[in-house]
C-alpha atoms as a PDB file:
ATOM      1  CA  MET A   1     -23.391  45.524   3.078  1.00  0.00           C
ATOM      2  CA  SER A   2     -26.930  43.863   1.634  1.00  0.00           C
ATOM      3  CA  VAL A   3     -29.217  41.495   3.198  1.00  0.00           C
ATOM      4  CA  LYS A   4     -27.987  39.392  -0.353  1.00  0.00           C
ATOM      5  CA  GLN A   5     -24.473  39.915   0.374  1.00  0.00           C
ATOM      6  CA  LEU A   6     -24.803  38.962   4.098  1.00  0.00           C
ATOM      7  CA  SER A   7     -26.797  35.973   3.395  1.00  0.00           C
ATOM      8  CA  ASN A   8     -23.432  35.273   0.949  1.00  0.00           C
ATOM      9  CA  ILE A   9     -21.527  34.952   3.294  1.00  0.00           C
ATOM     10  CA  ILE A  10     -23.022  33.021   5.816  1.00  0.00           C
ATOM     11  CA  ILE A  11     -23.584  30.034   2.997  1.00  0.00           C
ATOM     12  CA  LEU A  12     -19.659  30.330   2.315  1.00  0.00           C
ATOM     13  CA  SER A  13     -19.031  30.113   5.434  1.00  0.00           C
ATOM     14  CA  VAL A  14     -21.274  27.418   6.076  1.00  0.00           C
ATOM     15  CA  LEU A  15     -19.716  25.414   3.076  1.00  0.00           C
ATOM     16  CA  ALA A  16     -16.428  26.521   3.679  1.00  0.00           C
ATOM     17  CA  GLY A  17     -17.000  24.747   7.159  1.00  0.00           C
ATOM     18  CA  CYS A  18     -18.466  21.516   5.719  1.00  0.00           C
ATOM     19  CA  SER A  19     -15.492  21.005   3.388  1.00  0.00           C
ATOM     20  CA  SER A  20     -12.605  21.949   6.502  1.00  0.00           C
ATOM     21  CA  THR A  21     -13.614  18.282   8.208  1.00  0.00           C
ATOM     22  CA  ALA A  22      -9.719  17.069   7.513  1.00  0.00           C
ATOM     23  CA  ILE A  23      -8.789  14.578   9.868  1.00  0.00           C
ATOM     24  CA  ASN A  24      -5.705  14.225  12.094  1.00  0.00           C
ATOM     25  CA  SER A  25      -2.854  12.197  12.080  1.00  0.00           C
ATOM     26  CA  GLN A  26      -4.326   9.702  14.728  1.00  0.00           C
ATOM     27  CA  GLN A  27      -8.096   9.122  12.724  1.00  0.00           C
ATOM     28  CA  ALA A  28      -5.891   8.581   9.725  1.00  0.00           C
ATOM     29  CA  ALA A  29      -3.968   6.028  11.201  1.00  0.00           C
ATOM     30  CA  VAL A  30      -6.925   4.267  12.453  1.00  0.00           C
ATOM     31  CA  GLN A  31      -8.659   4.211   9.004  1.00  0.00           C
ATOM     32  CA  PHE A  32      -5.510   3.031   7.553  1.00  0.00           C
ATOM     33  CA  ASP A  33      -5.592  -0.088  10.024  1.00  0.00           C
ATOM     34  CA  ALA A  34      -9.035  -0.455   8.697  1.00  0.00           C
ATOM     35  CA  ARG A  35      -8.191  -0.658   5.274  1.00  0.00           C
ATOM     36  CA  TYR A  36      -4.493  -3.020   4.914  1.00  0.00           C
ATOM     37  CA  ASP A  37      -6.893  -5.196   7.127  1.00  0.00           C
ATOM     38  CA  GLU A  38      -9.599  -5.135   4.050  1.00  0.00           C
ATOM     39  CA  CYS A  39      -6.633  -5.450   1.699  1.00  0.00           C
ATOM     40  CA  GLU A  40      -4.845  -8.507   3.694  1.00  0.00           C
ATOM     41  CA  ASP A  41      -8.675 -10.026   3.995  1.00  0.00           C
ATOM     42  CA  LEU A  42      -8.822  -9.638   0.341  1.00  0.00           C
ATOM     43  CA  GLY A  43      -5.494 -11.304  -0.560  1.00  0.00           C
ATOM     44  CA  ILE A  44      -6.387 -14.091   2.046  1.00  0.00           C
ATOM     45  CA  GLN A  45      -9.202 -14.724  -0.112  1.00  0.00           C
ATOM     46  CA  ASN A  46      -7.515 -14.396  -3.553  1.00  0.00           C
ATOM     47  CA  VAL A  47      -6.006 -17.710  -3.701  1.00  0.00           C
ATOM     48  CA  VAL A  48      -4.501 -17.994  -7.425  1.00  0.00           C
ATOM     49  CA  ASP A  49      -0.589 -18.670  -9.034  1.00  0.00           C
ATOM     50  CA  LEU A  50       1.760 -16.606 -10.112  1.00  0.00           C
ATOM     51  CA  PRO A  51       1.931 -15.611 -13.627  1.00  0.00           C
ATOM     52  CA  GLU A  52       3.671 -17.663 -15.792  1.00  0.00           C
ATOM     53  CA  SER A  53       6.825 -16.346 -16.346  1.00  0.00           C
ATOM     54  CA  GLN A  54      10.368 -17.777 -17.889  1.00  0.00           C
ATOM     55  CA  TRP A  55      11.903 -14.668 -16.390  1.00  0.00           C
ATOM     56  CA  PHE A  56      10.977 -16.238 -12.703  1.00  0.00           C
ATOM     57  CA  ASP A  57      11.520 -19.899 -13.320  1.00  0.00           C
ATOM     58  CA  SER A  58      15.057 -19.120 -14.182  1.00  0.00           C
ATOM     59  CA  LEU A  59      15.856 -17.196 -10.280  1.00  0.00           C
ATOM     60  CA  SER A  60      17.108 -18.466  -7.846  1.00  0.00           C
ATOM     61  CA  PHE A  61      15.250 -19.779  -4.615  1.00  0.00           C
ATOM     62  CA  SER A  62      16.642 -16.155  -2.756  1.00  0.00           C
ATOM     63  CA  ASP A  63      15.202 -14.312  -5.582  1.00  0.00           C
ATOM     64  CA  LYS A  64      12.217 -15.665  -6.478  1.00  0.00           C
ATOM     65  CA  LYS A  65      11.363 -15.096  -2.541  1.00  0.00           C
ATOM     66  CA  ILE A  66      12.686 -11.373  -3.057  1.00  0.00           C
ATOM     67  CA  VAL A  67      10.422 -11.167  -6.392  1.00  0.00           C
ATOM     68  CA  VAL A  68       7.307 -12.574  -4.500  1.00  0.00           C
ATOM     69  CA  GLY A  69       7.613 -10.576  -1.352  1.00  0.00           C
ATOM     70  CA  TYR A  70       8.150  -7.156  -3.763  1.00  0.00           C
ATOM     71  CA  LEU A  71       5.098  -8.202  -6.106  1.00  0.00           C
ATOM     72  CA  TYR A  72       3.185  -8.803  -2.590  1.00  0.00           C
ATOM     73  CA  ASN A  73       3.861  -5.459  -0.804  1.00  0.00           C
ATOM     74  CA  LEU A  74       3.163  -3.769  -4.386  1.00  0.00           C
ATOM     75  CA  ASN A  75      -0.138  -4.846  -4.418  1.00  0.00           C
ATOM     76  CA  GLN A  76      -1.138  -4.336  -0.842  1.00  0.00           C
ATOM     77  CA  ARG A  77       0.640  -0.507  -1.451  1.00  0.00           C
ATOM     78  CA  ALA A  78      -1.786  -0.392  -4.256  1.00  0.00           C
ATOM     79  CA  CYS A  79      -4.850  -1.854  -2.533  1.00  0.00           C
ATOM     80  CA  THR A  80      -3.838   0.980   0.862  1.00  0.00           C
ATOM     81  CA  LYS A  81      -2.810   3.567  -1.341  1.00  0.00           C
ATOM     82  CA  GLU A  82      -6.189   6.287  -0.955  1.00  0.00           C
ATOM     83  CA  ALA A  83      -5.374   5.436   3.123  1.00  0.00           C
ATOM     84  CA  THR A  84      -1.914   6.172   2.686  1.00  0.00           C
ATOM     85  CA  GLU A  85      -2.589   9.257   1.200  1.00  0.00           C
ATOM     86  CA  ALA A  86      -4.429  10.449   3.341  1.00  0.00           C
ATOM     87  CA  LEU A  87      -2.293   9.274   6.564  1.00  0.00           C
ATOM     88  CA  ARG A  88       0.606  11.295   4.712  1.00  0.00           C
ATOM     89  CA  ALA A  89      -1.528  14.581   4.390  1.00  0.00           C
ATOM     90  CA  ALA A  90      -2.518  13.782   8.025  1.00  0.00           C
ATOM     91  CA  LEU A  91       1.132  13.766   8.976  1.00  0.00           C
ATOM     92  CA  LYS A  92       1.756  16.959   7.357  1.00  0.00           C
ATOM     93  CA  ARG A  93      -1.273  18.985   8.409  1.00  0.00           C
ATOM     94  CA  ASP A  94      -1.292  17.323  11.907  1.00  0.00           C
ATOM     95  CA  PRO A  95       2.402  16.201  12.350  1.00  0.00           C
ATOM     96  CA  ASN A  96       2.456  13.017  14.988  1.00  0.00           C
ATOM     97  CA  ALA A  97       6.193  11.734  15.643  1.00  0.00           C
ATOM     98  CA  LYS A  98       4.522   8.580  17.377  1.00  0.00           C
ATOM     99  CA  VAL A  99       2.443   8.005  14.544  1.00  0.00           C
ATOM    100  CA  GLN A 100       5.059   9.042  11.844  1.00  0.00           C
ATOM    101  CA  ALA A 101       7.765   6.400  13.449  1.00  0.00           C
ATOM    102  CA  CYS A 102       4.868   4.160  13.579  1.00  0.00           C
ATOM    103  CA  TYR A 103       3.967   4.028   9.890  1.00  0.00           C
ATOM    104  CA  GLN A 104       7.357   4.729   8.374  1.00  0.00           C
ATOM    105  CA  GLU A 105       7.857   1.332   6.706  1.00  0.00           C
ATOM    106  CA  PHE A 106       4.008   2.095   5.057  1.00  0.00           C
ATOM    107  CA  LEU A 107       5.098   5.774   4.444  1.00  0.00           C
ATOM    108  CA  ALA A 108       8.393   5.084   2.527  1.00  0.00           C
ATOM    109  CA  PRO A 109       9.003   4.121  -0.539  1.00  0.00           C
ATOM    110  CA  ILE A 110       8.953   0.789  -1.326  1.00  0.00           C
ATOM    111  CA  SER A 111      12.299   0.700  -2.886  1.00  0.00           C
ATOM    112  CA  GLU A 112      13.748   1.651   0.083  1.00  0.00           C
ATOM    113  CA  GLY A 113      12.563  -1.469   1.724  1.00  0.00           C
ATOM    114  CA  PHE A 114      13.547  -3.657  -1.060  1.00  0.00           C
ATOM    115  CA  GLY A 115      15.979  -1.411  -2.803  1.00  0.00           C
ATOM    116  CA  GLN A 116      19.277  -3.402  -1.737  1.00  0.00           C
ATOM    117  CA  ARG A 117      17.236  -6.547  -1.977  1.00  0.00           C
ATOM    118  CA  ALA A 118      16.434  -6.153  -5.586  1.00  0.00           C
ATOM    119  CA  ILE A 119      19.920  -5.541  -7.038  1.00  0.00           C
ATOM    120  CA  GLY A 120      20.770  -7.383 -10.102  1.00  0.00           C
ATOM    121  CA  LEU A 121      17.114  -7.946 -10.267  1.00  0.00           C
ATOM    122  CA  ASP A 122      15.083  -7.126 -13.442  1.00  0.00           C
ATOM    123  CA  VAL A 123      12.508  -4.531 -11.880  1.00  0.00           C
ATOM    124  CA  SER A 124      10.350  -3.828 -15.405  1.00  0.00           C
ATOM    125  CA  LYS A 125      10.012  -7.791 -15.284  1.00  0.00           C
ATOM    126  CA  ILE A 126       8.720  -7.934 -12.082  1.00  0.00           C
ATOM    127  CA  LEU A 127       6.119  -4.892 -12.729  1.00  0.00           C
ATOM    128  CA  GLU A 128       5.531  -6.953 -15.872  1.00  0.00           C
ATOM    129  CA  MET A 129       4.579  -9.668 -13.737  1.00  0.00           C
ATOM    130  CA  GLN A 130       2.509  -7.178 -11.577  1.00  0.00           C
ATOM    131  CA  ARG A 131       0.156  -5.788 -14.108  1.00  0.00           C
ATOM    132  CA  GLN A 132      -1.153  -9.364 -14.950  1.00  0.00           C
ATOM    133  CA  PHE A 133      -1.315 -10.150 -11.312  1.00  0.00           C
ATOM    134  CA  ASP A 134      -2.189  -6.627  -9.562  1.00  0.00           C
ATOM    135  CA  LYS A 135      -4.434  -7.601  -6.247  1.00  0.00           C
ATOM    136  CA  PRO A 136      -3.870  -8.315  -3.076  1.00  0.00           C
ATOM    137  CA  PHE A 137      -3.012 -12.643  -3.483  1.00  0.00           C
ATOM    138  CA  ASN A 138      -2.413 -15.322  -0.619  1.00  0.00           C
ATOM    139  CA  LEU A 139       1.086 -15.215   0.078  1.00  0.00           C
ATOM    140  CA  ARG A 140       0.712 -18.307   1.707  1.00  0.00           C
ATOM    141  CA  HIS A 141      -0.657 -19.894  -1.140  1.00  0.00           C
ATOM    142  CA  ILE A 142       2.467 -18.339  -3.938  1.00  0.00           C
ATOM    143  CA  LEU A 143       4.908 -20.088  -1.553  1.00  0.00           C
ATOM    144  CA  THR A 144       3.503 -23.510  -1.105  1.00  0.00           C
ATOM    145  CA  THR A 145       2.911 -23.751  -4.867  1.00  0.00           C
ATOM    146  CA  GLU A 146       6.208 -22.144  -5.652  1.00  0.00           C
ATOM    147  CA  ASN A 147       8.270 -24.402  -3.198  1.00  0.00           C
ATOM    148  CA  LEU A 148       9.498 -21.042  -1.588  1.00  0.00           C
ATOM    149  CA  TYR A 149       9.365 -21.963   1.937  1.00  0.00           C
ATOM    150  CA  PRO A 150      12.429 -23.416   3.388  1.00  0.00           C
ATOM    151  CA  LYS A 151      14.014 -25.875   2.582  1.00  0.00           C
ATOM    152  CA  ARG A 152      13.974 -27.978   5.661  1.00  0.00           C
ATOM    153  CA  SER A 153      16.951 -30.451   6.994  1.00  0.00           C
END
């Protein structure tokens, strides 16, 4: 083996070592938590009203709450997408039942959480609203401005 071939092998080995710094599932979970907290903070600061929608205005009280919850979760998931994918990949490399169980809600498709509740709602209308309203938002502000807090007797 020539010196040039040997040096190429060494360089490739070093580069391969640098690129294989994959994180384990616990590290990915910590990074996910940090990103989720950042997205929540962004939402708290993003005090905006829902876009105007005759469709939304025509919904019942409970359906409006479902739509707002769906929008909130869609936007949170969009904000945490990279961290979620990193966590999912880490769990494939490093299966960890505790981490998997703890983050199952975030790893599952959103339709699993809202599928039954959204029956009868026009999901295309929800997605249309979400395209106009695609950042994490202040949930308390929306619930207040839309009068969606539970009615007290």
